[in-house]
Amino acid sequence: MSDPRDDGGRAFPTSSDDYDPGMSLRDYFAALALVGVVQARVAAGLDAGQESIAEECYELADALLAARSR
């Protein structure tokens, strides 16, 4: 069973009750982190492996959600 995470709710909420909830705030934060993570790794000459970049972006997103809830 997977560990349920706080996804922060909708990134772009609307007033209507849409069937498709769209992107979560966690996904949005991870997407925003993506450019910086890739640039930092390339600049440092580090491996730009896709899986490790994705993991790092979601770790940053989780940290942002945790800070937001304090």
PDB file of N, CA and C in Angstrom:
ATOM      1  N   MET A   1       0.850  -1.183   0.000  1.00  0.00           N
ATOM      2  CA  MET A   1       0.000   0.000   0.000  1.00  0.00           C
ATOM      3  C   MET A   1       0.890   1.238   0.000  1.00  0.00           C
ATOM      4  N   SER A   2       0.561   2.209  -0.808  1.00  0.00           N
ATOM      5  CA  SER A   2       1.377   3.411  -0.890  1.00  0.00           C
ATOM      6  C   SER A   2       1.072   4.350   0.275  1.00  0.00           C
ATOM      7  N   ASP A   3       2.065   5.163   0.571  1.00  0.00           N
ATOM      8  CA  ASP A   3       1.953   6.133   1.653  1.00  0.00           C
ATOM      9  C   ASP A   3       1.166   7.339   1.149  1.00  0.00           C
ATOM     10  N   PRO A   4      -0.015   7.626   1.726  1.00  0.00           N
ATOM     11  CA  PRO A   4      -0.777   8.790   1.255  1.00  0.00           C
ATOM     12  C   PRO A   4      -0.046  10.088   1.605  1.00  0.00           C
ATOM     13  N   ARG A   5       0.075  10.947   0.650  1.00  0.00           N
ATOM     14  CA  ARG A   5       0.777  12.218   0.857  1.00  0.00           C
ATOM     15  C   ARG A   5      -0.201  13.368   0.712  1.00  0.00           C
ATOM     16  N   ASP A   6       0.130  14.442   1.390  1.00  0.00           N
ATOM     17  CA  ASP A   6      -0.626  15.670   1.228  1.00  0.00           C
ATOM     18  C   ASP A   6      -0.214  16.271  -0.106  1.00  0.00           C
ATOM     19  N   ASP A   7      -1.139  16.340  -1.048  1.00  0.00           N
ATOM     20  CA  ASP A   7      -0.783  16.900  -2.348  1.00  0.00           C
ATOM     21  C   ASP A   7      -1.063  18.394  -2.430  1.00  0.00           C
ATOM     22  N   GLY A   8      -1.517  18.980  -1.331  1.00  0.00           N
ATOM     23  CA  GLY A   8      -1.757  20.411  -1.293  1.00  0.00           C
ATOM     24  C   GLY A   8      -3.055  20.852  -1.936  1.00  0.00           C
ATOM     25  N   GLY A   9      -3.822  19.909  -2.450  1.00  0.00           N
ATOM     26  CA  GLY A   9      -5.066  20.278  -3.134  1.00  0.00           C
ATOM     27  C   GLY A   9      -4.788  20.706  -4.561  1.00  0.00           C
ATOM     28  N   ARG A  10      -5.750  21.373  -5.147  1.00  0.00           N
ATOM     29  CA  ARG A  10      -5.618  21.825  -6.536  1.00  0.00           C
ATOM     30  C   ARG A  10      -4.636  22.980  -6.649  1.00  0.00           C
ATOM     31  N   ALA A  11      -3.839  22.968  -7.709  1.00  0.00           N
ATOM     32  CA  ALA A  11      -2.921  24.081  -7.967  1.00  0.00           C
ATOM     33  C   ALA A  11      -3.680  25.307  -8.470  1.00  0.00           C
ATOM     34  N   PHE A  12      -4.717  25.067  -9.234  1.00  0.00           N
ATOM     35  CA  PHE A  12      -5.485  26.157  -9.827  1.00  0.00           C
ATOM     36  C   PHE A  12      -6.970  25.893  -9.613  1.00  0.00           C
ATOM     37  N   PRO A  13      -7.459  26.111  -8.388  1.00  0.00           N
ATOM     38  CA  PRO A  13      -8.861  25.796  -8.091  1.00  0.00           C
ATOM     39  C   PRO A  13      -9.819  26.692  -8.869  1.00  0.00           C
ATOM     40  N   THR A  14     -10.973  26.132  -9.129  1.00  0.00           N
ATOM     41  CA  THR A  14     -12.025  26.888  -9.787  1.00  0.00           C
ATOM     42  C   THR A  14     -13.253  26.875  -8.890  1.00  0.00           C
ATOM     43  N   SER A  15     -14.199  27.722  -9.201  1.00  0.00           N
ATOM     44  CA  SER A  15     -15.410  27.775  -8.395  1.00  0.00           C
ATOM     45  C   SER A  15     -16.384  26.658  -8.765  1.00  0.00           C
ATOM     46  N   SER A  16     -16.182  26.070  -9.935  1.00  0.00           N
ATOM     47  CA  SER A  16     -17.087  24.982 -10.340  1.00  0.00           C
ATOM     48  C   SER A  16     -16.556  23.651  -9.832  1.00  0.00           C
ATOM     49  N   ASP A  17     -17.441  22.689  -9.756  1.00  0.00           N
ATOM     50  CA  ASP A  17     -17.067  21.347  -9.308  1.00  0.00           C
ATOM     51  C   ASP A  17     -16.697  20.516 -10.533  1.00  0.00           C
ATOM     52  N   ASP A  18     -15.505  20.746 -11.059  1.00  0.00           N
ATOM     53  CA  ASP A  18     -15.051  20.055 -12.267  1.00  0.00           C
ATOM     54  C   ASP A  18     -14.806  18.585 -11.994  1.00  0.00           C
ATOM     55  N   TYR A  19     -15.047  17.768 -13.013  1.00  0.00           N
ATOM     56  CA  TYR A  19     -14.754  16.343 -12.913  1.00  0.00           C
ATOM     57  C   TYR A  19     -13.247  16.133 -12.853  1.00  0.00           C
ATOM     58  N   ASP A  20     -12.503  16.853 -13.674  1.00  0.00           N
ATOM     59  CA  ASP A  20     -11.044  16.737 -13.716  1.00  0.00           C
ATOM     60  C   ASP A  20     -10.442  17.762 -12.759  1.00  0.00           C
ATOM     61  N   PRO A  21      -9.838  17.301 -11.656  1.00  0.00           N
ATOM     62  CA  PRO A  21      -9.291  18.249 -10.690  1.00  0.00           C
ATOM     63  C   PRO A  21      -8.019  18.932 -11.161  1.00  0.00           C
ATOM     64  N   GLY A  22      -7.425  18.459 -12.244  1.00  0.00           N
ATOM     65  CA  GLY A  22      -6.216  19.085 -12.771  1.00  0.00           C
ATOM     66  C   GLY A  22      -4.990  18.778 -11.926  1.00  0.00           C
ATOM     67  N   MET A  23      -4.013  19.633 -12.020  1.00  0.00           N
ATOM     68  CA  MET A  23      -2.723  19.451 -11.368  1.00  0.00           C
ATOM     69  C   MET A  23      -2.829  19.760  -9.874  1.00  0.00           C
ATOM     70  N   SER A  24      -2.184  18.902  -9.075  1.00  0.00           N
ATOM     71  CA  SER A  24      -2.147  19.177  -7.636  1.00  0.00           C
ATOM     72  C   SER A  24      -1.076  20.226  -7.359  1.00  0.00           C
ATOM     73  N   LEU A  25      -1.159  20.837  -6.206  1.00  0.00           N
ATOM     74  CA  LEU A  25      -0.152  21.811  -5.813  1.00  0.00           C
ATOM     75  C   LEU A  25       1.219  21.141  -5.692  1.00  0.00           C
ATOM     76  N   ARG A  26       1.245  19.888  -5.234  1.00  0.00           N
ATOM     77  CA  ARG A  26       2.511  19.139  -5.136  1.00  0.00           C
ATOM     78  C   ARG A  26       3.133  18.970  -6.520  1.00  0.00           C
ATOM     79  N   ASP A  27       2.325  18.598  -7.521  1.00  0.00           N
ATOM     80  CA  ASP A  27       2.831  18.471  -8.889  1.00  0.00           C
ATOM     81  C   ASP A  27       3.327  19.812  -9.419  1.00  0.00           C
ATOM     82  N   TYR A  28       2.608  20.861  -9.128  1.00  0.00           N
ATOM     83  CA  TYR A  28       2.992  22.199  -9.590  1.00  0.00           C
ATOM     84  C   TYR A  28       4.328  22.616  -8.972  1.00  0.00           C
ATOM     85  N   PHE A  29       4.488  22.416  -7.666  1.00  0.00           N
ATOM     86  CA  PHE A  29       5.759  22.747  -7.019  1.00  0.00           C
ATOM     87  C   PHE A  29       6.900  21.933  -7.612  1.00  0.00           C
ATOM     88  N   ALA A  30       6.670  20.646  -7.865  1.00  0.00           N
ATOM     89  CA  ALA A  30       7.714  19.797  -8.450  1.00  0.00           C
ATOM     90  C   ALA A  30       8.085  20.288  -9.849  1.00  0.00           C
ATOM     91  N   ALA A  31       7.094  20.686 -10.623  1.00  0.00           N
ATOM     92  CA  ALA A  31       7.360  21.195 -11.970  1.00  0.00           C
ATOM     93  C   ALA A  31       8.168  22.484 -11.917  1.00  0.00           C
ATOM     94  N   LEU A  32       7.862  23.348 -10.968  1.00  0.00           N
ATOM     95  CA  LEU A  32       8.625  24.584 -10.829  1.00  0.00           C
ATOM     96  C   LEU A  32      10.074  24.304 -10.432  1.00  0.00           C
ATOM     97  N   ALA A  33      10.290  23.288  -9.622  1.00  0.00           N
ATOM     98  CA  ALA A  33      11.645  22.941  -9.176  1.00  0.00           C
ATOM     99  C   ALA A  33      12.468  22.323 -10.295  1.00  0.00           C
ATOM    100  N   LEU A  34      11.815  21.739 -11.280  1.00  0.00           N
ATOM    101  CA  LEU A  34      12.496  20.980 -12.322  1.00  0.00           C
ATOM    102  C   LEU A  34      13.591  21.774 -13.036  1.00  0.00           C
ATOM    103  N   VAL A  35      13.303  22.966 -13.472  1.00  0.00           N
ATOM    104  CA  VAL A  35      14.272  23.756 -14.225  1.00  0.00           C
ATOM    105  C   VAL A  35      15.507  24.047 -13.372  1.00  0.00           C
ATOM    106  N   GLY A  36      15.294  24.453 -12.136  1.00  0.00           N
ATOM    107  CA  GLY A  36      16.417  24.767 -11.260  1.00  0.00           C
ATOM    108  C   GLY A  36      17.270  23.552 -10.942  1.00  0.00           C
ATOM    109  N   VAL A  37      16.633  22.420 -10.712  1.00  0.00           N
ATOM    110  CA  VAL A  37      17.361  21.192 -10.392  1.00  0.00           C
ATOM    111  C   VAL A  37      18.224  20.773 -11.581  1.00  0.00           C
ATOM    112  N   VAL A  38      17.655  20.786 -12.783  1.00  0.00           N
ATOM    113  CA  VAL A  38      18.409  20.397 -13.975  1.00  0.00           C
ATOM    114  C   VAL A  38      19.567  21.369 -14.205  1.00  0.00           C
ATOM    115  N   GLN A  39      19.301  22.661 -14.115  1.00  0.00           N
ATOM    116  CA  GLN A  39      20.367  23.649 -14.328  1.00  0.00           C
ATOM    117  C   GLN A  39      21.488  23.499 -13.312  1.00  0.00           C
ATOM    118  N   ALA A  40      21.145  23.278 -12.060  1.00  0.00           N
ATOM    119  CA  ALA A  40      22.157  23.125 -11.018  1.00  0.00           C
ATOM    120  C   ALA A  40      23.004  21.879 -11.255  1.00  0.00           C
ATOM    121  N   ARG A  41      22.376  20.794 -11.655  1.00  0.00           N
ATOM    122  CA  ARG A  41      23.125  19.551 -11.911  1.00  0.00           C
ATOM    123  C   ARG A  41      24.046  19.698 -13.113  1.00  0.00           C
ATOM    124  N   VAL A  42      23.559  20.303 -14.166  1.00  0.00           N
ATOM    125  CA  VAL A  42      24.390  20.495 -15.356  1.00  0.00           C
ATOM    126  C   VAL A  42      25.563  21.414 -15.026  1.00  0.00           C
ATOM    127  N   ALA A  43      25.296  22.506 -14.321  1.00  0.00           N
ATOM    128  CA  ALA A  43      26.353  23.451 -13.965  1.00  0.00           C
ATOM    129  C   ALA A  43      27.420  22.809 -13.074  1.00  0.00           C
ATOM    130  N   ALA A  44      27.000  21.869 -12.223  1.00  0.00           N
ATOM    131  CA  ALA A  44      27.932  21.199 -11.326  1.00  0.00           C
ATOM    132  C   ALA A  44      28.573  19.973 -11.967  1.00  0.00           C
ATOM    133  N   GLY A  45      28.196  19.663 -13.200  1.00  0.00           N
ATOM    134  CA  GLY A  45      28.731  18.496 -13.880  1.00  0.00           C
ATOM    135  C   GLY A  45      28.226  17.185 -13.314  1.00  0.00           C
ATOM    136  N   LEU A  46      27.060  17.218 -12.689  1.00  0.00           N
ATOM    137  CA  LEU A  46      26.483  16.017 -12.087  1.00  0.00           C
ATOM    138  C   LEU A  46      25.596  15.276 -13.077  1.00  0.00           C
ATOM    139  N   ASP A  47      25.329  14.029 -12.771  1.00  0.00           N
ATOM    140  CA  ASP A  47      24.444  13.206 -13.577  1.00  0.00           C
ATOM    141  C   ASP A  47      23.059  13.835 -13.625  1.00  0.00           C
ATOM    142  N   ALA A  48      22.508  13.906 -14.801  1.00  0.00           N
ATOM    143  CA  ALA A  48      21.157  14.455 -14.956  1.00  0.00           C
ATOM    144  C   ALA A  48      20.167  13.324 -15.205  1.00  0.00           C
ATOM    145  N   GLY A  49      20.304  12.223 -14.462  1.00  0.00           N
ATOM    146  CA  GLY A  49      19.413  11.075 -14.613  1.00  0.00           C
ATOM    147  C   GLY A  49      17.969  11.443 -14.314  1.00  0.00           C
ATOM    148  N   GLN A  50      17.082  10.991 -15.171  1.00  0.00           N
ATOM    149  CA  GLN A  50      15.677  11.379 -15.066  1.00  0.00           C
ATOM    150  C   GLN A  50      15.034  10.975 -13.750  1.00  0.00           C
ATOM    151  N   GLU A  51      15.272   9.748 -13.305  1.00  0.00           N
ATOM    152  CA  GLU A  51      14.610   9.280 -12.086  1.00  0.00           C
ATOM    153  C   GLU A  51      15.081  10.051 -10.859  1.00  0.00           C
ATOM    154  N   SER A  52      16.369  10.302 -10.752  1.00  0.00           N
ATOM    155  CA  SER A  52      16.857  11.021  -9.577  1.00  0.00           C
ATOM    156  C   SER A  52      16.422  12.488  -9.594  1.00  0.00           C
ATOM    157  N   ILE A  53      16.304  13.061 -10.772  1.00  0.00           N
ATOM    158  CA  ILE A  53      15.810  14.440 -10.871  1.00  0.00           C
ATOM    159  C   ILE A  53      14.355  14.499 -10.432  1.00  0.00           C
ATOM    160  N   ALA A  54      13.550  13.560 -10.883  1.00  0.00           N
ATOM    161  CA  ALA A  54      12.139  13.534 -10.491  1.00  0.00           C
ATOM    162  C   ALA A  54      12.003  13.377  -8.983  1.00  0.00           C
ATOM    163  N   GLU A  55      12.782  12.481  -8.406  1.00  0.00           N
ATOM    164  CA  GLU A  55      12.735  12.282  -6.950  1.00  0.00           C
ATOM    165  C   GLU A  55      13.111  13.558  -6.208  1.00  0.00           C
ATOM    166  N   GLU A  56      14.169  14.238  -6.670  1.00  0.00           N
ATOM    167  CA  GLU A  56      14.600  15.472  -6.011  1.00  0.00           C
ATOM    168  C   GLU A  56      13.523  16.558  -6.113  1.00  0.00           C
ATOM    169  N   CYS A  57      12.889  16.665  -7.266  1.00  0.00           N
ATOM    170  CA  CYS A  57      11.844  17.679  -7.445  1.00  0.00           C
ATOM    171  C   CYS A  57      10.673  17.429  -6.496  1.00  0.00           C
ATOM    172  N   TYR A  58      10.272  16.164  -6.349  1.00  0.00           N
ATOM    173  CA  TYR A  58       9.165  15.867  -5.445  1.00  0.00           C
ATOM    174  C   TYR A  58       9.571  16.000  -3.984  1.00  0.00           C
ATOM    175  N   GLU A  59      10.837  15.757  -3.654  1.00  0.00           N
ATOM    176  CA  GLU A  59      11.303  16.013  -2.285  1.00  0.00           C
ATOM    177  C   GLU A  59      11.212  17.504  -1.973  1.00  0.00           C
ATOM    178  N   LEU A  60      11.607  18.336  -2.935  1.00  0.00           N
ATOM    179  CA  LEU A  60      11.481  19.783  -2.751  1.00  0.00           C
ATOM    180  C   LEU A  60      10.017  20.203  -2.639  1.00  0.00           C
ATOM    181  N   ALA A  61       9.159  19.611  -3.459  1.00  0.00           N
ATOM    182  CA  ALA A  61       7.728  19.919  -3.394  1.00  0.00           C
ATOM    183  C   ALA A  61       7.157  19.545  -2.029  1.00  0.00           C
ATOM    184  N   ASP A  62       7.546  18.388  -1.505  1.00  0.00           N
ATOM    185  CA  ASP A  62       7.074  17.964  -0.182  1.00  0.00           C
ATOM    186  C   ASP A  62       7.557  18.922   0.900  1.00  0.00           C
ATOM    187  N   ALA A  63       8.799  19.411   0.771  1.00  0.00           N
ATOM    188  CA  ALA A  63       9.322  20.364   1.756  1.00  0.00           C
ATOM    189  C   ALA A  63       8.551  21.683   1.686  1.00  0.00           C
ATOM    190  N   LEU A  64       8.198  22.111   0.485  1.00  0.00           N
ATOM    191  CA  LEU A  64       7.411  23.336   0.346  1.00  0.00           C
ATOM    192  C   LEU A  64       6.022  23.177   0.956  1.00  0.00           C
ATOM    193  N   LEU A  65       5.398  22.031   0.738  1.00  0.00           N
ATOM    194  CA  LEU A  65       4.073  21.791   1.326  1.00  0.00           C
ATOM    195  C   LEU A  65       4.162  21.739   2.845  1.00  0.00           C
ATOM    196  N   ALA A  66       5.218  21.142   3.375  1.00  0.00           N
ATOM    197  CA  ALA A  66       5.389  21.076   4.834  1.00  0.00           C
ATOM    198  C   ALA A  66       5.586  22.477   5.415  1.00  0.00           C
ATOM    199  N   ALA A  67       6.416  23.287   4.752  1.00  0.00           N
ATOM    200  CA  ALA A  67       6.629  24.665   5.222  1.00  0.00           C
ATOM    201  C   ALA A  67       5.341  25.482   5.126  1.00  0.00           C
ATOM    202  N   ARG A  68       4.575  25.236   4.094  1.00  0.00           N
ATOM    203  CA  ARG A  68       3.312  25.947   3.892  1.00  0.00           C
ATOM    204  C   ARG A  68       2.300  25.650   4.985  1.00  0.00           C
ATOM    205  N   SER A  69       2.336  24.418   5.513  1.00  0.00           N
ATOM    206  CA  SER A  69       1.352  24.026   6.518  1.00  0.00           C
ATOM    207  C   SER A  69       1.722  24.483   7.930  1.00  0.00           C
ATOM    208  N   ARG A  70       2.917  24.980   8.102  1.00  0.00           N
ATOM    209  CA  ARG A  70       3.329  25.457   9.450  1.00  0.00           C
ATOM    210  C   ARG A  70       2.739  26.792   9.779  1.00  0.00           C
TER     211      ARG A  70
END
